[in-house]
Amino acid sequence: MHALSIPTWIIHVSSVVEWIVAIWFVWIYGEISGARYWWALSWAMLPALVSAMCACTWHFFDNLESLQWLVTLQALMTVVGNTALCAAAWWIWRSVRQSNNLVK
């Protein structure tokens, strides 16, 4: 756990907590607005959360060589997460655009 300073740990942990809260807010927004396509965004945010947790876990155990696979998993989850977030954002854009065309 000595791999990172206390202020850096605070930033890492608070970022994970903030991301969890953001996922929850997006989900709630989808419920309140009735636009369930927002739920796709909250699901798409999960791989990025896994990526962050991989980084925190690896650092917590002082960057052990035996846990090097966490770095690979983190990279994979970052790619999957970014792709999922892009797809979810496109779905939201397309859905809003279609609903606006129906109103006209």
PDB file of N, CA and C in Angstrom:
ATOM      1  N   MET A   1       0.816  -1.195   0.000  1.00  0.00           N
ATOM      2  CA  MET A   1       0.000   0.000   0.000  1.00  0.00           C
ATOM      3  C   MET A   1       0.860   1.259   0.000  1.00  0.00           C
ATOM      4  N   HIS A   2       2.153   1.092   0.019  1.00  0.00           N
ATOM      5  CA  HIS A   2       3.057   2.241   0.051  1.00  0.00           C
ATOM      6  C   HIS A   2       3.393   2.765  -1.339  1.00  0.00           C
ATOM      7  N   ALA A   3       2.824   2.135  -2.377  1.00  0.00           N
ATOM      8  CA  ALA A   3       3.140   2.551  -3.739  1.00  0.00           C
ATOM      9  C   ALA A   3       2.630   3.959  -4.035  1.00  0.00           C
ATOM     10  N   LEU A   4       1.578   4.384  -3.365  1.00  0.00           N
ATOM     11  CA  LEU A   4       0.997   5.699  -3.594  1.00  0.00           C
ATOM     12  C   LEU A   4       0.950   6.494  -2.298  1.00  0.00           C
ATOM     13  N   SER A   5       1.014   7.810  -2.432  1.00  0.00           N
ATOM     14  CA  SER A   5       0.908   8.686  -1.261  1.00  0.00           C
ATOM     15  C   SER A   5      -0.551   8.751  -0.796  1.00  0.00           C
ATOM     16  N   ILE A   6      -0.752   9.233   0.404  1.00  0.00           N
ATOM     17  CA  ILE A   6      -2.104   9.369   0.955  1.00  0.00           C
ATOM     18  C   ILE A   6      -2.980  10.274   0.071  1.00  0.00           C
ATOM     19  N   PRO A   7      -2.488  11.449  -0.359  1.00  0.00           N
ATOM     20  CA  PRO A   7      -3.330  12.277  -1.237  1.00  0.00           C
ATOM     21  C   PRO A   7      -3.701  11.569  -2.546  1.00  0.00           C
ATOM     22  N   THR A   8      -2.777  10.780  -3.087  1.00  0.00           N
ATOM     23  CA  THR A   8      -3.085  10.051  -4.312  1.00  0.00           C
ATOM     24  C   THR A   8      -4.129   8.974  -4.053  1.00  0.00           C
ATOM     25  N   TRP A   9      -4.041   8.316  -2.887  1.00  0.00           N
ATOM     26  CA  TRP A   9      -5.059   7.336  -2.526  1.00  0.00           C
ATOM     27  C   TRP A   9      -6.428   7.993  -2.398  1.00  0.00           C
ATOM     28  N   ILE A  10      -6.449   9.168  -1.800  1.00  0.00           N
ATOM     29  CA  ILE A  10      -7.711   9.892  -1.638  1.00  0.00           C
ATOM     30  C   ILE A  10      -8.328  10.173  -3.006  1.00  0.00           C
ATOM     31  N   ILE A  11      -7.513  10.581  -3.951  1.00  0.00           N
ATOM     32  CA  ILE A  11      -8.001  10.857  -5.303  1.00  0.00           C
ATOM     33  C   ILE A  11      -8.501   9.572  -5.965  1.00  0.00           C
ATOM     34  N   HIS A  12      -7.738   8.488  -5.853  1.00  0.00           N
ATOM     35  CA  HIS A  12      -8.147   7.214  -6.452  1.00  0.00           C
ATOM     36  C   HIS A  12      -9.479   6.734  -5.882  1.00  0.00           C
ATOM     37  N   VAL A  13      -9.581   6.701  -4.580  1.00  0.00           N
ATOM     38  CA  VAL A  13     -10.790   6.179  -3.943  1.00  0.00           C
ATOM     39  C   VAL A  13     -11.982   7.101  -4.206  1.00  0.00           C
ATOM     40  N   SER A  14     -11.777   8.400  -4.102  1.00  0.00           N
ATOM     41  CA  SER A  14     -12.889   9.317  -4.346  1.00  0.00           C
ATOM     42  C   SER A  14     -13.342   9.251  -5.800  1.00  0.00           C
ATOM     43  N   SER A  15     -12.438   9.016  -6.725  1.00  0.00           N
ATOM     44  CA  SER A  15     -12.822   8.871  -8.131  1.00  0.00           C
ATOM     45  C   SER A  15     -13.696   7.640  -8.344  1.00  0.00           C
ATOM     46  N   VAL A  16     -13.353   6.549  -7.680  1.00  0.00           N
ATOM     47  CA  VAL A  16     -14.170   5.333  -7.784  1.00  0.00           C
ATOM     48  C   VAL A  16     -15.553   5.585  -7.184  1.00  0.00           C
ATOM     49  N   VAL A  17     -15.594   6.221  -6.036  1.00  0.00           N
ATOM     50  CA  VAL A  17     -16.884   6.520  -5.396  1.00  0.00           C
ATOM     51  C   VAL A  17     -17.711   7.461  -6.272  1.00  0.00           C
ATOM     52  N   GLU A  18     -17.076   8.478  -6.829  1.00  0.00           N
ATOM     53  CA  GLU A  18     -17.776   9.419  -7.712  1.00  0.00           C
ATOM     54  C   GLU A  18     -18.336   8.706  -8.936  1.00  0.00           C
ATOM     55  N   TRP A  19     -17.585   7.774  -9.482  1.00  0.00           N
ATOM     56  CA  TRP A  19     -18.029   7.038 -10.663  1.00  0.00           C
ATOM     57  C   TRP A  19     -19.251   6.181 -10.317  1.00  0.00           C
ATOM     58  N   ILE A  20     -19.237   5.544  -9.151  1.00  0.00           N
ATOM     59  CA  ILE A  20     -20.378   4.743  -8.701  1.00  0.00           C
ATOM     60  C   ILE A  20     -21.613   5.630  -8.555  1.00  0.00           C
ATOM     61  N   VAL A  21     -21.433   6.790  -7.959  1.00  0.00           N
ATOM     62  CA  VAL A  21     -22.548   7.735  -7.790  1.00  0.00           C
ATOM     63  C   VAL A  21     -23.054   8.208  -9.156  1.00  0.00           C
ATOM     64  N   ALA A  22     -22.141   8.461 -10.085  1.00  0.00           N
ATOM     65  CA  ALA A  22     -22.546   8.892 -11.431  1.00  0.00           C
ATOM     66  C   ALA A  22     -23.361   7.805 -12.132  1.00  0.00           C
ATOM     67  N   ILE A  23     -22.941   6.558 -11.996  1.00  0.00           N
ATOM     68  CA  ILE A  23     -23.695   5.450 -12.579  1.00  0.00           C
ATOM     69  C   ILE A  23     -25.102   5.430 -12.005  1.00  0.00           C
ATOM     70  N   TRP A  24     -25.195   5.580 -10.698  1.00  0.00           N
ATOM     71  CA  TRP A  24     -26.493   5.566 -10.028  1.00  0.00           C
ATOM     72  C   TRP A  24     -27.365   6.739 -10.488  1.00  0.00           C
ATOM     73  N   PHE A  25     -26.778   7.947 -10.602  1.00  0.00           N
ATOM     74  CA  PHE A  25     -27.539   9.119 -11.048  1.00  0.00           C
ATOM     75  C   PHE A  25     -28.059   8.935 -12.474  1.00  0.00           C
ATOM     76  N   VAL A  26     -27.234   8.389 -13.346  1.00  0.00           N
ATOM     77  CA  VAL A  26     -27.665   8.160 -14.731  1.00  0.00           C
ATOM     78  C   VAL A  26     -28.821   7.165 -14.752  1.00  0.00           C
ATOM     79  N   TRP A  27     -28.717   6.120 -13.947  1.00  0.00           N
ATOM     80  CA  TRP A  27     -29.797   5.125 -13.871  1.00  0.00           C
ATOM     81  C   TRP A  27     -31.096   5.773 -13.391  1.00  0.00           C
ATOM     82  N   ILE A  28     -31.005   6.560 -12.319  1.00  0.00           N
ATOM     83  CA  ILE A  28     -32.180   7.250 -11.766  1.00  0.00           C
ATOM     84  C   ILE A  28     -32.770   8.216 -12.797  1.00  0.00           C
ATOM     85  N   TYR A  29     -31.902   8.931 -13.520  1.00  0.00           N
ATOM     86  CA  TYR A  29     -32.383   9.847 -14.557  1.00  0.00           C
ATOM     87  C   TYR A  29     -33.181   9.089 -15.615  1.00  0.00           C
ATOM     88  N   GLY A  30     -32.702   7.904 -15.984  1.00  0.00           N
ATOM     89  CA  GLY A  30     -33.436   7.081 -16.936  1.00  0.00           C
ATOM     90  C   GLY A  30     -34.798   6.683 -16.408  1.00  0.00           C
ATOM     91  N   GLU A  31     -34.880   6.381 -15.112  1.00  0.00           N
ATOM     92  CA  GLU A  31     -36.170   6.031 -14.507  1.00  0.00           C
ATOM     93  C   GLU A  31     -37.112   7.232 -14.466  1.00  0.00           C
ATOM     94  N   ILE A  32     -36.603   8.366 -14.020  1.00  0.00           N
ATOM     95  CA  ILE A  32     -37.444   9.557 -13.856  1.00  0.00           C
ATOM     96  C   ILE A  32     -37.919  10.085 -15.207  1.00  0.00           C
ATOM     97  N   SER A  33     -37.006  10.123 -16.176  1.00  0.00           N
ATOM     98  CA  SER A  33     -37.357  10.671 -17.492  1.00  0.00           C
ATOM     99  C   SER A  33     -38.182   9.696 -18.326  1.00  0.00           C
ATOM    100  N   GLY A  34     -38.157   8.427 -17.947  1.00  0.00           N
ATOM    101  CA  GLY A  34     -38.847   7.420 -18.743  1.00  0.00           C
ATOM    102  C   GLY A  34     -38.085   7.032 -19.994  1.00  0.00           C
ATOM    103  N   ALA A  35     -36.911   7.593 -20.144  1.00  0.00           N
ATOM    104  CA  ALA A  35     -36.055   7.303 -21.300  1.00  0.00           C
ATOM    105  C   ALA A  35     -35.075   6.209 -20.899  1.00  0.00           C
ATOM    106  N   ARG A  36     -35.487   4.995 -21.115  1.00  0.00           N
ATOM    107  CA  ARG A  36     -34.696   3.868 -20.640  1.00  0.00           C
ATOM    108  C   ARG A  36     -33.369   3.712 -21.377  1.00  0.00           C
ATOM    109  N   TYR A  37     -33.172   4.398 -22.497  1.00  0.00           N
ATOM    110  CA  TYR A  37     -31.883   4.314 -23.174  1.00  0.00           C
ATOM    111  C   TYR A  37     -30.759   4.890 -22.321  1.00  0.00           C
ATOM    112  N   TRP A  38     -31.099   5.687 -21.316  1.00  0.00           N
ATOM    113  CA  TRP A  38     -30.080   6.165 -20.379  1.00  0.00           C
ATOM    114  C   TRP A  38     -29.524   5.023 -19.541  1.00  0.00           C
ATOM    115  N   TRP A  39     -30.326   3.979 -19.358  1.00  0.00           N
ATOM    116  CA  TRP A  39     -29.839   2.822 -18.610  1.00  0.00           C
ATOM    117  C   TRP A  39     -28.663   2.183 -19.329  1.00  0.00           C
ATOM    118  N   ALA A  40     -28.676   2.232 -20.648  1.00  0.00           N
ATOM    119  CA  ALA A  40     -27.555   1.681 -21.415  1.00  0.00           C
ATOM    120  C   ALA A  40     -26.262   2.415 -21.063  1.00  0.00           C
ATOM    121  N   LEU A  41     -26.376   3.720 -20.850  1.00  0.00           N
ATOM    122  CA  LEU A  41     -25.187   4.481 -20.466  1.00  0.00           C
ATOM    123  C   LEU A  41     -24.674   4.032 -19.111  1.00  0.00           C
ATOM    124  N   SER A  42     -25.572   3.805 -18.165  1.00  0.00           N
ATOM    125  CA  SER A  42     -25.102   3.358 -16.847  1.00  0.00           C
ATOM    126  C   SER A  42     -24.457   1.980 -16.929  1.00  0.00           C
ATOM    127  N   TRP A  43     -25.010   1.079 -17.756  1.00  0.00           N
ATOM    128  CA  TRP A  43     -24.360  -0.225 -17.954  1.00  0.00           C
ATOM    129  C   TRP A  43     -23.007  -0.059 -18.631  1.00  0.00           C
ATOM    130  N   ALA A  44     -22.924   0.873 -19.582  1.00  0.00           N
ATOM    131  CA  ALA A  44     -21.674   1.099 -20.312  1.00  0.00           C
ATOM    132  C   ALA A  44     -20.589   1.693 -19.416  1.00  0.00           C
ATOM    133  N   MET A  45     -20.983   2.291 -18.307  1.00  0.00           N
ATOM    134  CA  MET A  45     -20.013   2.878 -17.384  1.00  0.00           C
ATOM    135  C   MET A  45     -19.337   1.828 -16.497  1.00  0.00           C
ATOM    136  N   LEU A  46     -19.917   0.638 -16.407  1.00  0.00           N
ATOM    137  CA  LEU A  46     -19.386  -0.391 -15.518  1.00  0.00           C
ATOM    138  C   LEU A  46     -17.971  -0.873 -15.875  1.00  0.00           C
ATOM    139  N   PRO A  47     -17.632  -1.096 -17.168  1.00  0.00           N
ATOM    140  CA  PRO A  47     -16.259  -1.519 -17.454  1.00  0.00           C
ATOM    141  C   PRO A  47     -15.197  -0.508 -16.994  1.00  0.00           C
ATOM    142  N   ALA A  48     -15.512   0.774 -17.074  1.00  0.00           N
ATOM    143  CA  ALA A  48     -14.572   1.788 -16.590  1.00  0.00           C
ATOM    144  C   ALA A  48     -14.416   1.695 -15.075  1.00  0.00           C
ATOM    145  N   LEU A  49     -15.487   1.339 -14.390  1.00  0.00           N
ATOM    146  CA  LEU A  49     -15.414   1.135 -12.944  1.00  0.00           C
ATOM    147  C   LEU A  49     -14.527  -0.066 -12.623  1.00  0.00           C
ATOM    148  N   VAL A  50     -14.689  -1.140 -13.369  1.00  0.00           N
ATOM    149  CA  VAL A  50     -13.838  -2.315 -13.177  1.00  0.00           C
ATOM    150  C   VAL A  50     -12.379  -1.946 -13.433  1.00  0.00           C
ATOM    151  N   SER A  51     -12.140  -1.154 -14.450  1.00  0.00           N
ATOM    152  CA  SER A  51     -10.781  -0.704 -14.758  1.00  0.00           C
ATOM    153  C   SER A  51     -10.170   0.066 -13.588  1.00  0.00           C
ATOM    154  N   ALA A  52     -10.940   0.968 -13.023  1.00  0.00           N
ATOM    155  CA  ALA A  52     -10.457   1.752 -11.880  1.00  0.00           C
ATOM    156  C   ALA A  52     -10.188   0.872 -10.669  1.00  0.00           C
ATOM    157  N   MET A  53     -11.056  -0.101 -10.458  1.00  0.00           N
ATOM    158  CA  MET A  53     -10.866  -1.008  -9.326  1.00  0.00           C
ATOM    159  C   MET A  53      -9.633  -1.896  -9.520  1.00  0.00           C
ATOM    160  N   CYS A  54      -9.350  -2.265 -10.760  1.00  0.00           N
ATOM    161  CA  CYS A  54      -8.122  -3.021 -11.042  1.00  0.00           C
ATOM    162  C   CYS A  54      -6.895  -2.197 -10.662  1.00  0.00           C
ATOM    163  N   ALA A  55      -6.904  -0.925 -11.039  1.00  0.00           N
ATOM    164  CA  ALA A  55      -5.773  -0.054 -10.722  1.00  0.00           C
ATOM    165  C   ALA A  55      -5.611   0.097  -9.213  1.00  0.00           C
ATOM    166  N   CYS A  56      -6.707   0.337  -8.520  1.00  0.00           N
ATOM    167  CA  CYS A  56      -6.636   0.489  -7.061  1.00  0.00           C
ATOM    168  C   CYS A  56      -6.160  -0.790  -6.386  1.00  0.00           C
ATOM    169  N   THR A  57      -6.638  -1.917  -6.852  1.00  0.00           N
ATOM    170  CA  THR A  57      -6.219  -3.201  -6.272  1.00  0.00           C
ATOM    171  C   THR A  57      -4.731  -3.434  -6.485  1.00  0.00           C
ATOM    172  N   TRP A  58      -4.263  -3.179  -7.686  1.00  0.00           N
ATOM    173  CA  TRP A  58      -2.843  -3.392  -7.993  1.00  0.00           C
ATOM    174  C   TRP A  58      -1.967  -2.499  -7.128  1.00  0.00           C
ATOM    175  N   HIS A  59      -2.364  -1.241  -6.999  1.00  0.00           N
ATOM    176  CA  HIS A  59      -1.593  -0.318  -6.162  1.00  0.00           C
ATOM    177  C   HIS A  59      -1.688  -0.690  -4.681  1.00  0.00           C
ATOM    178  N   PHE A  60      -2.857  -1.161  -4.251  1.00  0.00           N
ATOM    179  CA  PHE A  60      -3.030  -1.539  -2.850  1.00  0.00           C
ATOM    180  C   PHE A  60      -2.027  -2.617  -2.445  1.00  0.00           C
ATOM    181  N   PHE A  61      -1.735  -3.523  -3.365  1.00  0.00           N
ATOM    182  CA  PHE A  61      -0.786  -4.603  -3.091  1.00  0.00           C
ATOM    183  C   PHE A  61       0.623  -4.267  -3.582  1.00  0.00           C
ATOM    184  N   ASP A  62       0.936  -2.986  -3.575  1.00  0.00           N
ATOM    185  CA  ASP A  62       2.280  -2.480  -3.902  1.00  0.00           C
ATOM    186  C   ASP A  62       2.795  -2.934  -5.264  1.00  0.00           C
ATOM    187  N   ASN A  63       1.905  -2.971  -6.246  1.00  0.00           N
ATOM    188  CA  ASN A  63       2.289  -3.285  -7.627  1.00  0.00           C
ATOM    189  C   ASN A  63       3.033  -4.617  -7.744  1.00  0.00           C
ATOM    190  N   LEU A  64       2.518  -5.632  -7.074  1.00  0.00           N
ATOM    191  CA  LEU A  64       3.142  -6.954  -7.092  1.00  0.00           C
ATOM    192  C   LEU A  64       3.225  -7.515  -8.511  1.00  0.00           C
ATOM    193  N   GLU A  65       4.363  -8.139  -8.806  1.00  0.00           N
ATOM    194  CA  GLU A  65       4.557  -8.779 -10.110  1.00  0.00           C
ATOM    195  C   GLU A  65       3.484  -9.832 -10.361  1.00  0.00           C
ATOM    196  N   SER A  66       3.117 -10.564  -9.327  1.00  0.00           N
ATOM    197  CA  SER A  66       2.133 -11.639  -9.481  1.00  0.00           C
ATOM    198  C   SER A  66       0.737 -11.113  -9.832  1.00  0.00           C
ATOM    199  N   LEU A  67       0.526  -9.829  -9.649  1.00  0.00           N
ATOM    200  CA  LEU A  67      -0.757  -9.221  -9.997  1.00  0.00           C
ATOM    201  C   LEU A  67      -0.681  -8.390 -11.274  1.00  0.00           C
ATOM    202  N   GLN A  68       0.349  -8.607 -12.045  1.00  0.00           N
ATOM    203  CA  GLN A  68       0.544  -7.872 -13.295  1.00  0.00           C
ATOM    204  C   GLN A  68      -0.658  -8.047 -14.241  1.00  0.00           C
ATOM    205  N   TRP A  69      -1.348  -9.177 -14.131  1.00  0.00           N
ATOM    206  CA  TRP A  69      -2.518  -9.424 -14.967  1.00  0.00           C
ATOM    207  C   TRP A  69      -3.606  -8.368 -14.754  1.00  0.00           C
ATOM    208  N   LEU A  70      -3.590  -7.724 -13.569  1.00  0.00           N
ATOM    209  CA  LEU A  70      -4.562  -6.661 -13.317  1.00  0.00           C
ATOM    210  C   LEU A  70      -4.338  -5.466 -14.242  1.00  0.00           C
ATOM    211  N   VAL A  71      -3.087  -5.230 -14.579  1.00  0.00           N
ATOM    212  CA  VAL A  71      -2.773  -4.131 -15.496  1.00  0.00           C
ATOM    213  C   VAL A  71      -3.348  -4.434 -16.878  1.00  0.00           C
ATOM    214  N   THR A  72      -3.206  -5.677 -17.298  1.00  0.00           N
ATOM    215  CA  THR A  72      -3.766  -6.094 -18.590  1.00  0.00           C
ATOM    216  C   THR A  72      -5.289  -6.017 -18.564  1.00  0.00           C
ATOM    217  N   LEU A  73      -5.894  -6.484 -17.469  1.00  0.00           N
ATOM    218  CA  LEU A  73      -7.344  -6.409 -17.332  1.00  0.00           C
ATOM    219  C   LEU A  73      -7.809  -4.958 -17.309  1.00  0.00           C
ATOM    220  N   GLN A  74      -7.043  -4.104 -16.654  1.00  0.00           N
ATOM    221  CA  GLN A  74      -7.396  -2.684 -16.620  1.00  0.00           C
ATOM    222  C   GLN A  74      -7.393  -2.103 -18.029  1.00  0.00           C
ATOM    223  N   ALA A  75      -6.367  -2.419 -18.798  1.00  0.00           N
ATOM    224  CA  ALA A  75      -6.297  -1.917 -20.172  1.00  0.00           C
ATOM    225  C   ALA A  75      -7.468  -2.434 -21.012  1.00  0.00           C
ATOM    226  N   LEU A  76      -7.766  -3.717 -20.865  1.00  0.00           N
ATOM    227  CA  LEU A  76      -8.882  -4.307 -21.604  1.00  0.00           C
ATOM    228  C   LEU A  76     -10.199  -3.650 -21.219  1.00  0.00           C
ATOM    229  N   MET A  77     -10.421  -3.453 -19.936  1.00  0.00           N
ATOM    230  CA  MET A  77     -11.661  -2.835 -19.479  1.00  0.00           C
ATOM    231  C   MET A  77     -11.764  -1.375 -19.920  1.00  0.00           C
ATOM    232  N   THR A  78     -10.625  -0.704 -20.049  1.00  0.00           N
ATOM    233  CA  THR A  78     -10.633   0.667 -20.554  1.00  0.00           C
ATOM    234  C   THR A  78     -11.099   0.687 -22.003  1.00  0.00           C
ATOM    235  N   VAL A  79     -10.580  -0.226 -22.823  1.00  0.00           N
ATOM    236  CA  VAL A  79     -10.988  -0.297 -24.224  1.00  0.00           C
ATOM    237  C   VAL A  79     -12.470  -0.673 -24.335  1.00  0.00           C
ATOM    238  N   VAL A  80     -12.867  -1.708 -23.596  1.00  0.00           N
ATOM    239  CA  VAL A  80     -14.269  -2.135 -23.616  1.00  0.00           C
ATOM    240  C   VAL A  80     -15.172  -0.999 -23.117  1.00  0.00           C
ATOM    241  N   GLY A  81     -14.764  -0.352 -22.044  1.00  0.00           N
ATOM    242  CA  GLY A  81     -15.554   0.737 -21.484  1.00  0.00           C
ATOM    243  C   GLY A  81     -15.694   1.914 -22.425  1.00  0.00           C
ATOM    244  N   ASN A  82     -14.599   2.312 -23.048  1.00  0.00           N
ATOM    245  CA  ASN A  82     -14.659   3.442 -23.980  1.00  0.00           C
ATOM    246  C   ASN A  82     -15.544   3.117 -25.179  1.00  0.00           C
ATOM    247  N   THR A  83     -15.445   1.881 -25.663  1.00  0.00           N
ATOM    248  CA  THR A  83     -16.284   1.455 -26.786  1.00  0.00           C
ATOM    249  C   THR A  83     -17.754   1.422 -26.368  1.00  0.00           C
ATOM    250  N   ALA A  84     -18.023   0.883 -25.185  1.00  0.00           N
ATOM    251  CA  ALA A  84     -19.399   0.814 -24.687  1.00  0.00           C
ATOM    252  C   ALA A  84     -19.970   2.215 -24.454  1.00  0.00           C
ATOM    253  N   LEU A  85     -19.171   3.111 -23.907  1.00  0.00           N
ATOM    254  CA  LEU A  85     -19.636   4.478 -23.680  1.00  0.00           C
ATOM    255  C   LEU A  85     -19.934   5.189 -24.998  1.00  0.00           C
ATOM    256  N   CYS A  86     -19.098   4.944 -25.989  1.00  0.00           N
ATOM    257  CA  CYS A  86     -19.333   5.526 -27.317  1.00  0.00           C
ATOM    258  C   CYS A  86     -20.644   5.002 -27.895  1.00  0.00           C
ATOM    259  N   ALA A  87     -20.864   3.691 -27.796  1.00  0.00           N
ATOM    260  CA  ALA A  87     -22.094   3.099 -28.321  1.00  0.00           C
ATOM    261  C   ALA A  87     -23.321   3.618 -27.568  1.00  0.00           C
ATOM    262  N   ALA A  88     -23.220   3.728 -26.261  1.00  0.00           N
ATOM    263  CA  ALA A  88     -24.352   4.225 -25.465  1.00  0.00           C
ATOM    264  C   ALA A  88     -24.656   5.687 -25.797  1.00  0.00           C
ATOM    265  N   ALA A  89     -23.614   6.485 -25.966  1.00  0.00           N
ATOM    266  CA  ALA A  89     -23.817   7.895 -26.325  1.00  0.00           C
ATOM    267  C   ALA A  89     -24.475   8.003 -27.701  1.00  0.00           C
ATOM    268  N   TRP A  90     -24.057   7.154 -28.636  1.00  0.00           N
ATOM    269  CA  TRP A  90     -24.672   7.148 -29.966  1.00  0.00           C
ATOM    270  C   TRP A  90     -26.143   6.757 -29.866  1.00  0.00           C
ATOM    271  N   TRP A  91     -26.441   5.758 -29.029  1.00  0.00           N
ATOM    272  CA  TRP A  91     -27.814   5.301 -28.865  1.00  0.00           C
ATOM    273  C   TRP A  91     -28.690   6.417 -28.283  1.00  0.00           C
ATOM    274  N   ILE A  92     -28.163   7.133 -27.316  1.00  0.00           N
ATOM    275  CA  ILE A  92     -28.904   8.259 -26.731  1.00  0.00           C
ATOM    276  C   ILE A  92     -29.137   9.320 -27.789  1.00  0.00           C
ATOM    277  N   TRP A  93     -28.092   9.667 -28.530  1.00  0.00           N
ATOM    278  CA  TRP A  93     -28.204  10.687 -29.584  1.00  0.00           C
ATOM    279  C   TRP A  93     -29.254  10.285 -30.610  1.00  0.00           C
ATOM    280  N   ARG A  94     -29.189   9.020 -31.053  1.00  0.00           N
ATOM    281  CA  ARG A  94     -30.121   8.529 -32.056  1.00  0.00           C
ATOM    282  C   ARG A  94     -31.546   8.524 -31.515  1.00  0.00           C
ATOM    283  N   SER A  95     -31.733   8.097 -30.280  1.00  0.00           N
ATOM    284  CA  SER A  95     -33.062   8.031 -29.677  1.00  0.00           C
ATOM    285  C   SER A  95     -33.669   9.414 -29.510  1.00  0.00           C
ATOM    286  N   VAL A  96     -32.880  10.365 -29.052  1.00  0.00           N
ATOM    287  CA  VAL A  96     -33.370  11.737 -28.885  1.00  0.00           C
ATOM    288  C   VAL A  96     -33.701  12.333 -30.242  1.00  0.00           C
ATOM    289  N   ARG A  97     -32.859  12.070 -31.212  1.00  0.00           N
ATOM    290  CA  ARG A  97     -33.089  12.584 -32.567  1.00  0.00           C
ATOM    291  C   ARG A  97     -34.376  12.013 -33.148  1.00  0.00           C
ATOM    292  N   GLN A  98     -34.607  10.713 -32.960  1.00  0.00           N
ATOM    293  CA  GLN A  98     -35.829  10.087 -33.465  1.00  0.00           C
ATOM    294  C   GLN A  98     -37.066  10.627 -32.753  1.00  0.00           C
ATOM    295  N   SER A  99     -36.964  10.806 -31.442  1.00  0.00           N
ATOM    296  CA  SER A  99     -38.136  11.331 -30.714  1.00  0.00           C
ATOM    297  C   SER A  99     -38.417  12.776 -31.087  1.00  0.00           C
ATOM    298  N   ASN A 100     -37.391  13.543 -31.414  1.00  0.00           N
ATOM    299  CA  ASN A 100     -37.609  14.924 -31.869  1.00  0.00           C
ATOM    300  C   ASN A 100     -38.245  14.948 -33.237  1.00  0.00           C
ATOM    301  N   ASN A 101     -37.896  13.999 -34.098  1.00  0.00           N
ATOM    302  CA  ASN A 101     -38.502  13.933 -35.434  1.00  0.00           C
ATOM    303  C   ASN A 101     -39.966  13.512 -35.362  1.00  0.00           C
ATOM    304  N   LEU A 102     -40.324  12.712 -34.363  1.00  0.00           N
ATOM    305  CA  LEU A 102     -41.703  12.289 -34.205  1.00  0.00           C
ATOM    306  C   LEU A 102     -42.582  13.431 -33.719  1.00  0.00           C
ATOM    307  N   VAL A 103     -41.994  14.362 -32.976  1.00  0.00           N
ATOM    308  CA  VAL A 103     -42.753  15.489 -32.419  1.00  0.00           C
ATOM    309  C   VAL A 103     -43.109  16.479 -33.509  1.00  0.00           C
ATOM    310  N   LYS A 104     -42.249  16.652 -34.498  1.00  0.00           N
ATOM    311  CA  LYS A 104     -42.469  17.663 -35.552  1.00  0.00           C
ATOM    312  C   LYS A 104     -43.609  17.329 -36.447  1.00  0.00           C
TER     313      LYS A 104
END
